[in-house]
C-alpha atoms as a PDB file:
ATOM      1  CA  UNK A   1     -28.819 -11.612  -7.955  1.00  0.00           C
ATOM      2  CA  UNK A   2     -29.613  -8.118  -9.102  1.00  0.00           C
ATOM      3  CA  UNK A   3     -28.571  -6.054  -6.102  1.00  0.00           C
ATOM      4  CA  UNK A   4     -25.727  -6.281  -3.622  1.00  0.00           C
ATOM      5  CA  UNK A   5     -26.310  -5.766   0.151  1.00  0.00           C
ATOM      6  CA  UNK A   6     -24.177  -2.654   1.016  1.00  0.00           C
ATOM      7  CA  UNK A   7     -24.222  -3.583   4.733  1.00  0.00           C
ATOM      8  CA  UNK A   8     -22.710  -6.997   3.963  1.00  0.00           C
ATOM      9  CA  UNK A   9     -20.049  -5.347   1.887  1.00  0.00           C
ATOM     10  CA  UNK A  10     -19.171  -3.051   4.838  1.00  0.00           C
ATOM     11  CA  UNK A  11     -18.893  -6.122   7.036  1.00  0.00           C
ATOM     12  CA  UNK A  12     -16.620  -7.829   4.474  1.00  0.00           C
ATOM     13  CA  UNK A  13     -14.328  -4.747   4.224  1.00  0.00           C
ATOM     14  CA  UNK A  14     -14.120  -4.479   7.993  1.00  0.00           C
ATOM     15  CA  UNK A  15     -13.229  -8.205   8.397  1.00  0.00           C
ATOM     16  CA  UNK A  16     -10.576  -7.903   5.751  1.00  0.00           C
ATOM     17  CA  UNK A  17      -9.119  -4.737   7.326  1.00  0.00           C
ATOM     18  CA  UNK A  18      -9.003  -6.031  10.851  1.00  0.00           C
ATOM     19  CA  UNK A  19      -8.130  -9.649   9.947  1.00  0.00           C
ATOM     20  CA  UNK A  20     -10.888 -11.401  11.853  1.00  0.00           C
ATOM     21  CA  UNK A  21     -14.568 -11.626  12.671  1.00  0.00           C
ATOM     22  CA  UNK A  22     -14.273 -10.888  16.376  1.00  0.00           C
ATOM     23  CA  UNK A  23     -12.530  -7.514  15.786  1.00  0.00           C
ATOM     24  CA  UNK A  24     -14.896  -6.626  13.054  1.00  0.00           C
ATOM     25  CA  UNK A  25     -17.950  -7.414  15.021  1.00  0.00           C
ATOM     26  CA  UNK A  26     -16.765  -5.236  17.918  1.00  0.00           C
ATOM     27  CA  UNK A  27     -16.059  -2.345  15.605  1.00  0.00           C
ATOM     28  CA  UNK A  28     -19.443  -2.635  13.846  1.00  0.00           C
ATOM     29  CA  UNK A  29     -21.392  -3.221  17.049  1.00  0.00           C
ATOM     30  CA  UNK A  30     -22.744  -6.559  15.817  1.00  0.00           C
ATOM     31  CA  UNK A  31     -22.433 -10.104  17.121  1.00  0.00           C
ATOM     32  CA  UNK A  32     -19.685 -12.262  15.511  1.00  0.00           C
ATOM     33  CA  UNK A  33     -22.348 -14.777  14.265  1.00  0.00           C
ATOM     34  CA  UNK A  34     -24.314 -11.932  12.573  1.00  0.00           C
ATOM     35  CA  UNK A  35     -21.228 -10.755  10.707  1.00  0.00           C
ATOM     36  CA  UNK A  36     -20.274 -14.334   9.797  1.00  0.00           C
ATOM     37  CA  UNK A  37     -23.783 -15.157   8.538  1.00  0.00           C
ATOM     38  CA  UNK A  38     -24.025 -11.928   6.468  1.00  0.00           C
ATOM     39  CA  UNK A  39     -20.727 -12.700   4.734  1.00  0.00           C
ATOM     40  CA  UNK A  40     -21.742 -16.339   4.197  1.00  0.00           C
ATOM     41  CA  UNK A  41     -24.884 -15.044   2.450  1.00  0.00           C
ATOM     42  CA  UNK A  42     -22.713 -12.783   0.292  1.00  0.00           C
ATOM     43  CA  UNK A  43     -20.512 -15.654  -0.687  1.00  0.00           C
ATOM     44  CA  UNK A  44     -23.609 -17.646  -1.596  1.00  0.00           C
ATOM     45  CA  UNK A  45     -24.985 -14.802  -3.697  1.00  0.00           C
ATOM     46  CA  UNK A  46     -21.779 -14.506  -5.613  1.00  0.00           C
ATOM     47  CA  UNK A  47     -21.164 -18.248  -5.808  1.00  0.00           C
ATOM     48  CA  UNK A  48     -17.523 -17.569  -4.819  1.00  0.00           C
ATOM     49  CA  UNK A  49     -15.434 -17.976  -1.688  1.00  0.00           C
ATOM     50  CA  UNK A  50     -14.447 -14.531  -0.553  1.00  0.00           C
ATOM     51  CA  UNK A  51     -12.443 -15.251   2.640  1.00  0.00           C
ATOM     52  CA  UNK A  52      -9.829 -17.804   3.650  1.00  0.00           C
ATOM     53  CA  UNK A  53      -9.671 -18.788   7.385  1.00  0.00           C
ATOM     54  CA  UNK A  54      -6.262 -19.784   8.562  1.00  0.00           C
ATOM     55  CA  UNK A  55      -3.901 -19.853  11.528  1.00  0.00           C
ATOM     56  CA  UNK A  56      -2.770 -16.240  10.800  1.00  0.00           C
ATOM     57  CA  UNK A  57      -6.332 -14.980  10.735  1.00  0.00           C
ATOM     58  CA  UNK A  58      -8.725 -14.229   7.928  1.00  0.00           C
ATOM     59  CA  UNK A  59      -7.502 -13.086   4.505  1.00  0.00           C
ATOM     60  CA  UNK A  60      -9.195 -12.311   1.222  1.00  0.00           C
ATOM     61  CA  UNK A  61      -9.250 -14.733  -1.663  1.00  0.00           C
ATOM     62  CA  UNK A  62      -8.352 -13.292  -5.082  1.00  0.00           C
ATOM     63  CA  UNK A  63     -12.098 -12.889  -5.808  1.00  0.00           C
ATOM     64  CA  UNK A  64     -12.594 -11.348  -2.411  1.00  0.00           C
ATOM     65  CA  UNK A  65      -9.780  -8.840  -3.022  1.00  0.00           C
ATOM     66  CA  UNK A  66     -11.326  -7.800  -6.337  1.00  0.00           C
ATOM     67  CA  UNK A  67     -14.789  -7.392  -4.706  1.00  0.00           C
ATOM     68  CA  UNK A  68     -13.477  -5.368  -1.745  1.00  0.00           C
ATOM     69  CA  UNK A  69     -11.605  -3.030  -3.958  1.00  0.00           C
ATOM     70  CA  UNK A  70     -14.696  -2.330  -5.998  1.00  0.00           C
ATOM     71  CA  UNK A  71     -16.880  -2.168  -2.840  1.00  0.00           C
ATOM     72  CA  UNK A  72     -14.667   0.502  -1.359  1.00  0.00           C
ATOM     73  CA  UNK A  73     -14.984   2.672  -4.381  1.00  0.00           C
ATOM     74  CA  UNK A  74     -18.671   2.080  -4.594  1.00  0.00           C
ATOM     75  CA  UNK A  75     -19.303   3.133  -0.970  1.00  0.00           C
ATOM     76  CA  UNK A  76     -17.039   6.181  -1.324  1.00  0.00           C
ATOM     77  CA  UNK A  77     -18.838   7.257  -4.507  1.00  0.00           C
ATOM     78  CA  UNK A  78     -22.135   6.935  -2.649  1.00  0.00           C
ATOM     79  CA  UNK A  79     -20.757   9.494  -0.107  1.00  0.00           C
ATOM     80  CA  UNK A  80     -19.602  11.819  -2.858  1.00  0.00           C
ATOM     81  CA  UNK A  81     -22.979  11.555  -4.558  1.00  0.00           C
ATOM     82  CA  UNK A  82     -24.794  12.601  -1.456  1.00  0.00           C
ATOM     83  CA  UNK A  83     -22.483  15.558  -0.934  1.00  0.00           C
ATOM     84  CA  UNK A  84     -22.870  16.633  -4.582  1.00  0.00           C
ATOM     85  CA  UNK A  85     -26.610  16.434  -4.451  1.00  0.00           C
ATOM     86  CA  UNK A  86     -26.615  18.508  -1.275  1.00  0.00           C
ATOM     87  CA  UNK A  87     -24.356  21.024  -3.063  1.00  0.00           C
ATOM     88  CA  UNK A  88     -21.763  20.948  -0.351  1.00  0.00           C
ATOM     89  CA  UNK A  89     -18.278  22.006  -1.485  1.00  0.00           C
ATOM     90  CA  UNK A  90     -15.383  19.620  -0.768  1.00  0.00           C
ATOM     91  CA  UNK A  91     -13.523  21.142   2.187  1.00  0.00           C
ATOM     92  CA  UNK A  92     -11.746  20.258   5.359  1.00  0.00           C
ATOM     93  CA  UNK A  93      -8.445  18.604   6.267  1.00  0.00           C
ATOM     94  CA  UNK A  94      -7.147  15.228   5.099  1.00  0.00           C
ATOM     95  CA  UNK A  95      -4.398  13.611   7.124  1.00  0.00           C
ATOM     96  CA  UNK A  96      -2.349  11.481   4.762  1.00  0.00           C
ATOM     97  CA  UNK A  97       0.199   8.913   5.880  1.00  0.00           C
ATOM     98  CA  UNK A  98       2.731   7.451   3.424  1.00  0.00           C
ATOM     99  CA  UNK A  99       6.454   6.393   3.230  1.00  0.00           C
ATOM    100  CA  UNK A 100       8.714   9.159   2.069  1.00  0.00           C
ATOM    101  CA  UNK A 101       9.788   7.358  -1.118  1.00  0.00           C
ATOM    102  CA  UNK A 102       6.209   7.580  -2.397  1.00  0.00           C
ATOM    103  CA  UNK A 103       5.880  11.260  -1.979  1.00  0.00           C
ATOM    104  CA  UNK A 104       7.818  12.447  -5.036  1.00  0.00           C
ATOM    105  CA  UNK A 105       6.632   9.647  -7.283  1.00  0.00           C
ATOM    106  CA  UNK A 106       2.958   9.368  -6.432  1.00  0.00           C
ATOM    107  CA  UNK A 107       1.955  12.473  -4.397  1.00  0.00           C
ATOM    108  CA  UNK A 108       3.703  15.112  -6.470  1.00  0.00           C
ATOM    109  CA  UNK A 109       1.527  14.557  -9.604  1.00  0.00           C
ATOM    110  CA  UNK A 110      -1.574  14.869  -7.390  1.00  0.00           C
ATOM    111  CA  UNK A 111      -0.981  17.905  -5.241  1.00  0.00           C
ATOM    112  CA  UNK A 112      -1.131  20.800  -7.743  1.00  0.00           C
ATOM    113  CA  UNK A 113      -4.129  19.427  -9.562  1.00  0.00           C
ATOM    114  CA  UNK A 114      -5.969  18.566  -6.355  1.00  0.00           C
ATOM    115  CA  UNK A 115      -5.327  22.075  -4.904  1.00  0.00           C
ATOM    116  CA  UNK A 116      -6.798  23.701  -7.977  1.00  0.00           C
ATOM    117  CA  UNK A 117      -9.837  21.510  -8.040  1.00  0.00           C
ATOM    118  CA  UNK A 118     -10.422  21.536  -4.278  1.00  0.00           C
ATOM    119  CA  UNK A 119      -8.999  24.751  -2.897  1.00  0.00           C
ATOM    120  CA  UNK A 120     -10.800  24.452   0.381  1.00  0.00           C
ATOM    121  CA  UNK A 121      -9.149  21.152   1.318  1.00  0.00           C
ATOM    122  CA  UNK A 122      -5.996  21.105   3.444  1.00  0.00           C
ATOM    123  CA  UNK A 123      -3.675  18.101   2.990  1.00  0.00           C
ATOM    124  CA  UNK A 124      -1.425  17.164   5.903  1.00  0.00           C
ATOM    125  CA  UNK A 125       1.216  14.622   5.079  1.00  0.00           C
ATOM    126  CA  UNK A 126       3.109  12.440   7.632  1.00  0.00           C
ATOM    127  CA  UNK A 127       5.944  10.192   6.445  1.00  0.00           C
ATOM    128  CA  UNK A 128       7.185   7.079   8.142  1.00  0.00           C
ATOM    129  CA  UNK A 129       7.793   3.437   7.409  1.00  0.00           C
ATOM    130  CA  UNK A 130       4.780   1.531   6.347  1.00  0.00           C
ATOM    131  CA  UNK A 131       4.470  -0.478   9.488  1.00  0.00           C
ATOM    132  CA  UNK A 132       4.030   2.702  11.609  1.00  0.00           C
ATOM    133  CA  UNK A 133       1.863   4.415   8.984  1.00  0.00           C
ATOM    134  CA  UNK A 134      -0.552   1.431   9.177  1.00  0.00           C
ATOM    135  CA  UNK A 135      -0.524   1.507  12.991  1.00  0.00           C
ATOM    136  CA  UNK A 136      -1.272   5.208  12.988  1.00  0.00           C
ATOM    137  CA  UNK A 137      -4.181   4.663  10.517  1.00  0.00           C
ATOM    138  CA  UNK A 138      -5.646   1.955  12.794  1.00  0.00           C
ATOM    139  CA  UNK A 139      -5.388   4.333  15.703  1.00  0.00           C
ATOM    140  CA  UNK A 140      -7.250   7.006  13.870  1.00  0.00           C
ATOM    141  CA  UNK A 141      -4.252   9.330  13.461  1.00  0.00           C
ATOM    142  CA  UNK A 142      -4.669   9.508   9.634  1.00  0.00           C
ATOM    143  CA  UNK A 143      -7.695   9.677   7.275  1.00  0.00           C
ATOM    144  CA  UNK A 144      -6.115   7.931   4.414  1.00  0.00           C
ATOM    145  CA  UNK A 145      -2.761   6.059   3.982  1.00  0.00           C
ATOM    146  CA  UNK A 146      -0.684   4.580   1.159  1.00  0.00           C
ATOM    147  CA  UNK A 147       1.643   1.768   2.351  1.00  0.00           C
ATOM    148  CA  UNK A 148       3.729  -1.222   1.409  1.00  0.00           C
ATOM    149  CA  UNK A 149       1.521  -3.810   2.989  1.00  0.00           C
ATOM    150  CA  UNK A 150       2.546  -7.023   4.808  1.00  0.00           C
ATOM    151  CA  UNK A 151       2.192  -9.790   2.241  1.00  0.00           C
ATOM    152  CA  UNK A 152       1.428 -12.326   4.994  1.00  0.00           C
ATOM    153  CA  UNK A 153      -1.474 -10.174   6.278  1.00  0.00           C
ATOM    154  CA  UNK A 154      -2.638  -8.014   3.391  1.00  0.00           C
ATOM    155  CA  UNK A 155      -4.873  -5.049   4.221  1.00  0.00           C
ATOM    156  CA  UNK A 156      -6.394  -2.231   2.214  1.00  0.00           C
ATOM    157  CA  UNK A 157      -7.010  -1.860  -1.540  1.00  0.00           C
ATOM    158  CA  UNK A 158      -4.165  -3.079  -3.686  1.00  0.00           C
ATOM    159  CA  UNK A 159      -2.995  -0.267  -6.001  1.00  0.00           C
ATOM    160  CA  UNK A 160       0.088  -1.899  -7.548  1.00  0.00           C
ATOM    161  CA  UNK A 161       2.370  -4.840  -7.175  1.00  0.00           C
ATOM    162  CA  UNK A 162       5.646  -3.012  -7.685  1.00  0.00           C
ATOM    163  CA  UNK A 163       8.721  -5.123  -8.603  1.00  0.00           C
ATOM    164  CA  UNK A 164      11.785  -4.713  -6.396  1.00  0.00           C
ATOM    165  CA  UNK A 165      14.923  -3.767  -8.386  1.00  0.00           C
ATOM    166  CA  UNK A 166      18.558  -3.989  -7.462  1.00  0.00           C
ATOM    167  CA  UNK A 167      20.329  -0.695  -7.978  1.00  0.00           C
ATOM    168  CA  UNK A 168      23.843   0.753  -7.762  1.00  0.00           C
ATOM    169  CA  UNK A 169      25.537   4.084  -8.506  1.00  0.00           C
ATOM    170  CA  UNK A 170      26.544   4.938 -12.072  1.00  0.00           C
ATOM    171  CA  UNK A 171      30.271   4.569 -12.571  1.00  0.00           C
ATOM    172  CA  UNK A 172      30.767   2.152  -9.678  1.00  0.00           C
ATOM    173  CA  UNK A 173      30.635  -1.597  -9.375  1.00  0.00           C
ATOM    174  CA  UNK A 174      29.952  -2.521  -5.744  1.00  0.00           C
ATOM    175  CA  UNK A 175      27.955  -5.524  -6.913  1.00  0.00           C
ATOM    176  CA  UNK A 176      31.297  -7.218  -7.749  1.00  0.00           C
ATOM    177  CA  UNK A 177      32.462  -7.091  -4.108  1.00  0.00           C
ATOM    178  CA  UNK A 178      32.377 -10.002  -1.657  1.00  0.00           C
ATOM    179  CA  UNK A 179      30.768  -9.849   0.783  1.00  0.00           C
ATOM    180  CA  UNK A 180      28.091  -7.792  -1.081  1.00  0.00           C
ATOM    181  CA  UNK A 181      27.743  -4.350   0.651  1.00  0.00           C
ATOM    182  CA  UNK A 182      24.170  -3.386   1.257  1.00  0.00           C
ATOM    183  CA  UNK A 183      22.300  -0.176   2.095  1.00  0.00           C
ATOM    184  CA  UNK A 184      18.947  -1.029   3.719  1.00  0.00           C
ATOM    185  CA  UNK A 185      16.067   0.573   5.506  1.00  0.00           C
ATOM    186  CA  UNK A 186      15.873  -0.066   9.332  1.00  0.00           C
ATOM    187  CA  UNK A 187      14.622  -3.360  10.685  1.00  0.00           C
ATOM    188  CA  UNK A 188      10.971  -2.349  10.727  1.00  0.00           C
ATOM    189  CA  UNK A 189      10.960  -2.112   7.002  1.00  0.00           C
ATOM    190  CA  UNK A 190       8.619  -4.788   5.546  1.00  0.00           C
ATOM    191  CA  UNK A 191      10.804  -5.552   2.494  1.00  0.00           C
ATOM    192  CA  UNK A 192      14.068  -5.778   4.319  1.00  0.00           C
ATOM    193  CA  UNK A 193      13.705  -9.383   5.587  1.00  0.00           C
ATOM    194  CA  UNK A 194      12.498 -10.500   2.117  1.00  0.00           C
ATOM    195  CA  UNK A 195      15.586  -8.931   0.457  1.00  0.00           C
ATOM    196  CA  UNK A 196      17.863 -10.633   2.973  1.00  0.00           C
ATOM    197  CA  UNK A 197      16.037 -13.953   2.576  1.00  0.00           C
ATOM    198  CA  UNK A 198      16.508 -13.803  -1.232  1.00  0.00           C
ATOM    199  CA  UNK A 199      20.245 -13.346  -0.780  1.00  0.00           C
ATOM    200  CA  UNK A 200      20.389 -16.183   1.756  1.00  0.00           C
ATOM    201  CA  UNK A 201      18.553 -18.589  -0.599  1.00  0.00           C
ATOM    202  CA  UNK A 202      21.008 -17.680  -3.357  1.00  0.00           C
ATOM    203  CA  UNK A 203      23.895 -18.274  -0.894  1.00  0.00           C
ATOM    204  CA  UNK A 204      25.343 -14.883  -1.603  1.00  0.00           C
ATOM    205  CA  UNK A 205      27.651 -13.625   1.148  1.00  0.00           C
ATOM    206  CA  UNK A 206      26.635 -10.116   2.132  1.00  0.00           C
ATOM    207  CA  UNK A 207      27.018  -7.485   4.793  1.00  0.00           C
ATOM    208  CA  UNK A 208      24.854  -4.495   5.858  1.00  0.00           C
ATOM    209  CA  UNK A 209      27.033  -1.475   5.282  1.00  0.00           C
ATOM    210  CA  UNK A 210      24.496   1.354   5.811  1.00  0.00           C
ATOM    211  CA  UNK A 211      21.062   1.647   7.505  1.00  0.00           C
ATOM    212  CA  UNK A 212      18.581   4.514   7.259  1.00  0.00           C
ATOM    213  CA  UNK A 213      14.909   4.987   8.038  1.00  0.00           C
ATOM    214  CA  UNK A 214      14.477   7.407   5.199  1.00  0.00           C
ATOM    215  CA  UNK A 215      14.741   6.947   1.375  1.00  0.00           C
ATOM    216  CA  UNK A 216      17.119   9.910   1.024  1.00  0.00           C
ATOM    217  CA  UNK A 217      19.591   8.302   3.300  1.00  0.00           C
ATOM    218  CA  UNK A 218      19.537   4.992   1.546  1.00  0.00           C
ATOM    219  CA  UNK A 219      19.761   6.565  -1.937  1.00  0.00           C
ATOM    220  CA  UNK A 220      22.635   8.861  -0.847  1.00  0.00           C
ATOM    221  CA  UNK A 221      24.598   5.867   0.389  1.00  0.00           C
ATOM    222  CA  UNK A 222      24.205   4.056  -2.873  1.00  0.00           C
ATOM    223  CA  UNK A 223      24.937   7.193  -4.937  1.00  0.00           C
ATOM    224  CA  UNK A 224      28.291   7.408  -3.115  1.00  0.00           C
ATOM    225  CA  UNK A 225      29.291   4.169  -4.834  1.00  0.00           C
ATOM    226  CA  UNK A 226      30.222   1.829  -1.942  1.00  0.00           C
ATOM    227  CA  UNK A 227      27.032  -0.239  -1.758  1.00  0.00           C
ATOM    228  CA  UNK A 228      23.875  -1.434  -3.483  1.00  0.00           C
ATOM    229  CA  UNK A 229      20.242  -1.617  -2.463  1.00  0.00           C
ATOM    230  CA  UNK A 230      16.831  -2.726  -3.703  1.00  0.00           C
ATOM    231  CA  UNK A 231      14.009  -0.231  -4.417  1.00  0.00           C
ATOM    232  CA  UNK A 232      10.516  -0.431  -5.760  1.00  0.00           C
ATOM    233  CA  UNK A 233      10.695  -0.067  -9.526  1.00  0.00           C
ATOM    234  CA  UNK A 234       8.446   3.017  -9.486  1.00  0.00           C
ATOM    235  CA  UNK A 235      10.773   4.906  -7.027  1.00  0.00           C
ATOM    236  CA  UNK A 236      14.166   4.276  -8.596  1.00  0.00           C
ATOM    237  CA  UNK A 237      15.772   7.698  -9.214  1.00  0.00           C
ATOM    238  CA  UNK A 238      17.538   8.509 -12.482  1.00  0.00           C
ATOM    239  CA  UNK A 239      20.871   8.883 -10.643  1.00  0.00           C
ATOM    240  CA  UNK A 240      21.059   5.051 -10.097  1.00  0.00           C
ATOM    241  CA  UNK A 241      21.468   2.296 -12.553  1.00  0.00           C
ATOM    242  CA  UNK A 242      19.429  -0.872 -12.521  1.00  0.00           C
ATOM    243  CA  UNK A 243      21.305  -4.107 -12.185  1.00  0.00           C
ATOM    244  CA  UNK A 244      20.253  -6.860 -14.578  1.00  0.00           C
ATOM    245  CA  UNK A 245      20.516 -10.592 -14.350  1.00  0.00           C
ATOM    246  CA  UNK A 246      24.116 -10.461 -15.436  1.00  0.00           C
ATOM    247  CA  UNK A 247      24.955  -9.075 -12.011  1.00  0.00           C
ATOM    248  CA  UNK A 248      24.215 -12.522 -10.575  1.00  0.00           C
ATOM    249  CA  UNK A 249      21.780 -11.179  -7.983  1.00  0.00           C
ATOM    250  CA  UNK A 250      18.592 -13.093  -7.020  1.00  0.00           C
ATOM    251  CA  UNK A 251      15.120 -12.114  -8.152  1.00  0.00           C
ATOM    252  CA  UNK A 252      13.055 -10.237  -5.563  1.00  0.00           C
ATOM    253  CA  UNK A 253       9.394 -10.331  -4.652  1.00  0.00           C
ATOM    254  CA  UNK A 254       7.139  -7.434  -5.537  1.00  0.00           C
ATOM    255  CA  UNK A 255       6.121  -4.813  -3.030  1.00  0.00           C
ATOM    256  CA  UNK A 256       2.335  -4.574  -2.662  1.00  0.00           C
ATOM    257  CA  UNK A 257       1.336  -0.901  -2.497  1.00  0.00           C
ATOM    258  CA  UNK A 258      -2.072  -0.503  -0.877  1.00  0.00           C
ATOM    259  CA  UNK A 259      -4.520   2.224  -0.025  1.00  0.00           C
ATOM    260  CA  UNK A 260      -6.030   2.392   3.427  1.00  0.00           C
ATOM    261  CA  UNK A 261      -9.375   4.085   3.768  1.00  0.00           C
ATOM    262  CA  UNK A 262     -12.084   4.122   6.447  1.00  0.00           C
ATOM    263  CA  UNK A 263     -15.508   2.650   5.599  1.00  0.00           C
ATOM    264  CA  UNK A 264     -17.140   6.100   5.583  1.00  0.00           C
ATOM    265  CA  UNK A 265     -14.458   8.602   4.635  1.00  0.00           C
ATOM    266  CA  UNK A 266     -15.027  12.316   4.395  1.00  0.00           C
ATOM    267  CA  UNK A 267     -15.732  13.712   0.945  1.00  0.00           C
ATOM    268  CA  UNK A 268     -12.254  15.291   0.883  1.00  0.00           C
ATOM    269  CA  UNK A 269     -10.541  11.952   1.784  1.00  0.00           C
ATOM    270  CA  UNK A 270     -12.650  10.100  -0.797  1.00  0.00           C
ATOM    271  CA  UNK A 271     -11.639  12.553  -3.536  1.00  0.00           C
ATOM    272  CA  UNK A 272      -7.942  12.338  -2.625  1.00  0.00           C
ATOM    273  CA  UNK A 273      -8.217   8.521  -2.724  1.00  0.00           C
ATOM    274  CA  UNK A 274      -9.710   8.766  -6.188  1.00  0.00           C
ATOM    275  CA  UNK A 275      -6.761  10.970  -7.184  1.00  0.00           C
ATOM    276  CA  UNK A 276      -4.306   8.219  -6.091  1.00  0.00           C
ATOM    277  CA  UNK A 277      -6.187   5.556  -7.940  1.00  0.00           C
ATOM    278  CA  UNK A 278      -6.014   7.625 -11.107  1.00  0.00           C
ATOM    279  CA  UNK A 279      -2.269   8.145 -10.789  1.00  0.00           C
ATOM    280  CA  UNK A 280      -1.738   4.357 -10.349  1.00  0.00           C
ATOM    281  CA  UNK A 281      -4.035   3.565 -13.240  1.00  0.00           C
ATOM    282  CA  UNK A 282      -2.184   5.912 -15.537  1.00  0.00           C
ATOM    283  CA  UNK A 283       1.127   4.380 -14.521  1.00  0.00           C
ATOM    284  CA  UNK A 284      -0.252   0.900 -15.307  1.00  0.00           C
ATOM    285  CA  UNK A 285      -1.450   2.021 -18.726  1.00  0.00           C
ATOM    286  CA  UNK A 286       1.936   3.551 -19.542  1.00  0.00           C
ATOM    287  CA  UNK A 287       3.696   0.467 -18.410  1.00  0.00           C
ATOM    288  CA  UNK A 288       1.495  -1.735 -20.645  1.00  0.00           C
END
């Protein structure tokens, strides 16, 4: 195999994003059998299984995840190449959705540089919990999104598996209390049930002392000293201390941070997506 069928790649990405062949076929204006056959040919070409079919729908295999990530970038670079050849300046508006805890950590390093390099692009940011951001993206209310994805139904391009870390205020020891006082995001937070499940498995008696739908609210509660919480490692502020294994708290799963992009993004959206990839790549290099 010397060349890859770009239309088959588009079909694979759409199936992965929508979680099934029927929804993908409707969106692409093709029959379900045509989409299934094209992807089967792609699997044959690569000699690898790209999709897993299960009761929860269709999900990518590890190889499929790698291929889809590269395919997204390839198709976006194709769009940028065409715009560059035409000599068209990158301009327009990009509607970006992301949780507010990612704004300072990931968006802040991007904004100033992006504004200098693409002064004709307007970035409009909307913050919410990942579940709502993903729904808004699916409804066409945003052009690009960065989310904590559902580990049972992963979508988008994986940017980082970010370990969850237990944290408390400096100078306070709420982790010694029983029941353990918690500050958590609201019930629609994707990591909240996984945090509670880890405590239940460890048979640690706990109580929810504070709930907020925004990071600032959760962090403020922890900083006050009366409770603890769990945050993505990348987002832990310097005002909090990380709790080690000596605190007796259970290990937590990683949060999967993913990038959501349409198949054919605008040049402005594609360049902003590249800026996010660069920030995450630099963080991974520094961590190594």
